[in-house]
Amino acid sequence: MWSWDAFFSFLTDPQLIQGAWTTIWLTTVSMALALPLAVLVAVGRASRFRPVRLVTGFYVWLMRGTPLLVQLVIIYTGLPQLGLRLGVISAALTGLVLNEAAYLSEIVRAGVLSVPRGQSEAARALGMPPWKVFRVVVMPQALRVMVPPLGNSFNGLLKTTTLVSVISVEELLRRTQFAVQTNFRVLEGLTAAALYYLAMTTLWGLVQRWLEIRVGRGHQTGPTRGRRIKSAALPALEMETR
């Protein structure tokens, strides 16, 4: 039978609260490290040098083609056989970052390809170096396309962190499992954990919506500016009509 006392006990359990915090910072750090790597991979896949394209393409193919759970187990238990031993947190971050960067690189690449080629060609014609063209011209326009899927990736990563419990990272799911072992109220404990995940993803949804508005606002014409442009263009339009 369902026990409300057990449910509220799980909901306020310090173990679950600590596990939720671990999930949040693990997701944030993984995303912060994966995004720069994804940009490098996306640039590498668009490189003129064939070896660079092959290496980055192989990396994306490998990371996207194998399960994250398998990658985590290989990193944590397989690499020590080759003399490379990582701690629990280091192994978890390595697996999450490498896996997430492969997916994010495709988002970055799609965003960059969405910018018309004429924009970068015009910037290069003005004498801008390639790195400045990418930073000043391409990326600000690509961000409008990239922000929604990047936000969805962060949302998904919040839930994907449950997989690191397999290598003994004490995030929310593993903390819940420990708490359940004391009274065997599995349904109540997992329901409380689900509510924590629901709260975290809901809050992130609000942040994502704010980011989308913020990024989109920088490329919109404000009402005052729009009126000025319109009023300035009226004389020319009147002369053309005459």
Foldseek 3Di string as FASTA:
>chain_A
DDDPVVLVCLLPPVLLVVQLVVLVVLLVVLLVLQQVLLQVLLVQCVDPDPVSVVVSVVLLCVLVVDDLLVQLCCQAPVCVVVVDHDDLSVSLSVSSSSNLSSVLSVLLNVLQVVDDPVQLVVVVVVPDDPVCCCVPTRVLRSCLSRLVVSLVSSLVSSVVSVSSVVSPDSHNVNSLVVVCVVPVPNVSSVVSSVVSSVVVSVVSVVVSVVVSCVSVVVPDQDPVNVVVVVVVCVVVVVVVVD
